[in-house]
Amino acid sequence: MNITGLKKQLFSGIFLRSAVRDFGGLTAYTKTNKLFTAYFQYKTGAYQKDYLLYFPKDPFTRLYVNEIFNKLYEHDGYDIIKYLEFHYAAYENKPNFLRFLRSQISDRVKNSWVLKLQSAHTWLEEKQQEYKSKQEARLREKIQSGVREIVIGQSAISLAEIDR
């Protein structure tokens, strides 16, 4: 029996298939080249610092999809938008492109490092709100104090005028 036959026989059992899947070894993505839709433009050849994806040879599906995000992570801020716009403009079926990207992003957001960033972002928002609340309380106290001084000052003038 060859390796392919052995692999097929082993993966016929649900227990082994489930165990391998749980550890990330089983994927629907094939390692056969060119069996994916190229939503993002790519070339074979040496890496370039532009918006295209580059591979030494035609990639298989998992490598292609991962490289979309590797290239995305190289950019910050508005350059991310320009990167996405570059590929979106080139792909004819806009709804399909958006559906692909939404599902890929959604899947990657589930990764633990993203959850850590989301936790950090939530903490940051809470601290910013706390700071804003403290600043507003200080400002309110300053205004109230100023109003009190004005009222007390006017009351003192009124009492002095009454005494005359």
Protein backbone atom coordinates (compact mmCIF):
# COMPACT_ATOMS: atom_id res chain seq x y z
CA MET A 1 0.00 0.00 0.00
CA ASN A 2 1.38 3.41 -0.92
CA ILE A 3 1.35 6.56 1.26
CA THR A 4 -1.76 7.98 -0.41
CA GLY A 5 -3.69 4.74 0.14
CA LEU A 6 -2.54 4.54 3.77
CA LYS A 7 -3.51 8.17 4.36
CA LYS A 8 -6.94 7.57 2.81
CA GLN A 9 -7.46 4.48 4.98
CA LEU A 10 -6.36 6.29 8.16
CA PHE A 11 -8.59 9.29 7.50
CA SER A 12 -11.59 7.06 6.86
CA GLY A 13 -11.94 6.68 10.64
CA ILE A 14 -13.82 9.54 12.34
CA PHE A 15 -11.68 9.47 15.50
CA LEU A 16 -8.36 10.05 13.75
CA ARG A 17 -9.89 12.59 11.38
CA SER A 18 -11.33 14.52 14.32
CA ALA A 19 -8.09 14.37 16.30
CA VAL A 20 -6.02 15.59 13.37
CA ARG A 21 -8.53 18.35 12.62
CA ASP A 22 -8.45 19.51 16.26
CA PHE A 23 -4.68 19.93 16.03
CA GLY A 24 -4.87 21.84 12.76
CA GLY A 25 -3.57 19.12 10.47
CA LEU A 26 -6.70 18.51 8.42
CA THR A 27 -7.85 21.19 6.05
CA ALA A 28 -10.21 21.46 3.13
CA TYR A 29 -7.53 23.51 1.39
CA THR A 30 -5.59 21.54 -1.12
CA LYS A 31 -1.87 21.67 -1.68
CA THR A 32 -2.49 21.33 -5.40
CA ASN A 33 -1.57 24.49 -7.23
CA LYS A 34 -4.07 26.77 -8.99
CA LEU A 35 -7.24 25.29 -7.45
CA PHE A 36 -8.42 28.61 -6.05
CA THR A 37 -10.02 31.80 -7.27
CA ALA A 38 -7.47 34.58 -7.47
CA TYR A 39 -9.37 37.42 -5.79
CA PHE A 40 -6.08 39.22 -5.18
CA GLN A 41 -3.62 39.66 -8.02
CA TYR A 42 -0.36 37.77 -7.83
CA LYS A 43 2.77 37.07 -9.79
CA THR A 44 5.44 34.43 -9.62
CA GLY A 45 8.85 35.87 -9.06
CA ALA A 46 10.91 37.82 -6.58
CA TYR A 47 9.11 39.73 -3.82
CA GLN A 48 8.33 43.38 -4.51
CA LYS A 49 7.20 46.15 -2.13
CA ASP A 50 3.98 46.92 -3.98
CA TYR A 51 0.38 45.73 -3.69
CA LEU A 52 0.77 42.50 -5.69
CA LEU A 53 1.30 39.13 -4.03
CA TYR A 54 4.51 37.32 -5.03
CA PHE A 55 5.34 33.62 -4.96
CA PRO A 56 8.42 31.71 -6.14
CA LYS A 57 6.03 29.38 -8.05
CA ASP A 58 2.26 29.08 -8.38
CA PRO A 59 0.90 28.83 -4.84
CA PHE A 60 -1.52 26.36 -3.36
CA THR A 61 -4.71 27.64 -1.73
CA ARG A 62 -3.62 27.96 1.90
CA LEU A 63 -0.39 29.74 0.95
CA TYR A 64 -2.24 32.11 -1.37
CA VAL A 65 -4.87 33.08 1.22
CA ASN A 66 -2.25 33.49 3.96
CA GLU A 67 -0.16 35.73 1.72
CA ILE A 68 -3.15 38.06 1.19
CA PHE A 69 -3.05 38.78 4.91
CA ASN A 70 0.73 38.75 5.22
CA LYS A 71 0.79 41.53 2.62
CA LEU A 72 -2.07 43.33 4.38
CA TYR A 73 -0.14 43.27 7.68
CA GLU A 74 2.79 45.03 6.01
CA HIS A 75 0.64 48.14 5.62
CA ASP A 76 -0.77 50.60 8.15
CA GLY A 77 -3.61 53.08 8.17
CA TYR A 78 -4.70 54.40 4.81
CA ASP A 79 -2.24 52.15 2.95
CA ILE A 80 -4.41 49.19 3.99
CA ILE A 81 -7.34 50.85 2.21
CA LYS A 82 -5.24 51.47 -0.90
CA TYR A 83 -4.08 47.83 -0.88
CA LEU A 84 -7.66 46.55 -0.70
CA GLU A 85 -8.88 49.08 -3.29
CA PHE A 86 -6.11 47.98 -5.69
CA HIS A 87 -7.31 44.37 -5.67
CA TYR A 88 -11.01 45.22 -5.49
CA ALA A 89 -10.75 47.43 -8.58
CA ALA A 90 -9.07 44.64 -10.56
CA TYR A 91 -11.55 41.88 -9.66
CA GLU A 92 -14.66 41.86 -11.86
CA ASN A 93 -17.20 40.22 -9.56
CA LYS A 94 -17.33 42.83 -6.76
CA PRO A 95 -19.95 41.07 -4.59
CA ASN A 96 -17.96 37.83 -4.76
CA PHE A 97 -14.74 39.64 -3.81
CA LEU A 98 -16.48 41.25 -0.83
CA ARG A 99 -18.03 37.93 0.24
CA PHE A 100 -14.61 36.23 0.08
CA LEU A 101 -12.89 38.97 2.05
CA ARG A 102 -15.64 39.18 4.69
CA SER A 103 -15.51 35.43 5.32
CA GLN A 104 -11.70 35.36 5.49
CA ILE A 105 -11.53 38.34 7.85
CA SER A 106 -14.28 36.90 10.02
CA ASP A 107 -12.40 33.62 10.28
CA ARG A 108 -9.14 35.36 11.17
CA VAL A 109 -10.76 37.60 13.78
CA LYS A 110 -11.49 34.42 15.71
CA ASN A 111 -7.73 33.88 16.16
CA SER A 112 -6.48 34.40 19.71
CA TRP A 113 -4.00 37.19 18.88
CA VAL A 114 -6.83 39.24 17.45
CA LEU A 115 -8.83 38.64 20.61
CA LYS A 116 -5.87 39.94 22.58
CA LEU A 117 -5.83 43.07 20.44
CA GLN A 118 -9.58 43.45 20.90
CA SER A 119 -9.13 43.13 24.66
CA ALA A 120 -6.40 45.76 24.60
CA HIS A 121 -8.62 48.00 22.47
CA THR A 122 -11.53 47.59 24.90
CA TRP A 123 -9.22 48.49 27.80
CA LEU A 124 -7.99 51.54 25.87
CA GLU A 125 -11.55 52.72 25.21
CA GLU A 126 -12.45 52.29 28.89
CA LYS A 127 -9.41 54.28 30.01
CA GLN A 128 -10.14 57.01 27.48
CA GLN A 129 -13.72 57.22 28.77
CA GLU A 130 -12.48 57.36 32.39
CA TYR A 131 -10.05 60.14 31.49
CA LYS A 132 -12.76 62.04 29.63
CA SER A 133 -15.15 61.68 32.61
CA LYS A 134 -12.49 62.95 35.02
CA GLN A 135 -11.73 65.91 32.75
CA GLU A 136 -15.45 66.72 32.51
CA ALA A 137 -15.80 66.47 36.32
CA ARG A 138 -12.81 68.80 36.81
CA LEU A 139 -14.24 71.28 34.32
CA ARG A 140 -17.69 71.09 35.96
CA GLU A 141 -16.11 71.71 39.39
CA LYS A 142 -14.14 74.68 38.03
CA ILE A 143 -17.29 76.19 36.53
CA GLN A 144 -19.29 75.62 39.73
CA SER A 145 -16.49 77.12 41.81
CA GLY A 146 -16.37 80.18 39.53
CA VAL A 147 -20.14 80.58 39.72
CA ARG A 148 -20.01 80.30 43.53
CA GLU A 149 -17.33 83.01 43.68
CA ILE A 150 -19.41 85.28 41.48
CA VAL A 151 -22.58 84.66 43.51
CA ILE A 152 -20.78 85.13 46.82
CA GLY A 153 -19.03 88.26 45.47
CA GLN A 154 -22.36 89.71 44.35
CA SER A 155 -23.94 88.78 47.69
CA ALA A 156 -21.14 90.60 49.55
CA ILE A 157 -21.69 93.71 47.41
CA SER A 158 -25.42 93.56 48.04
CA LEU A 159 -24.91 93.27 51.82
CA ALA A 160 -22.44 96.20 51.78
CA GLU A 161 -24.96 98.33 49.90
CA ILE A 162 -27.68 97.42 52.41
CA ASP A 163 -25.45 98.45 55.34
CA ARG A 164 -24.99 101.95 53.92
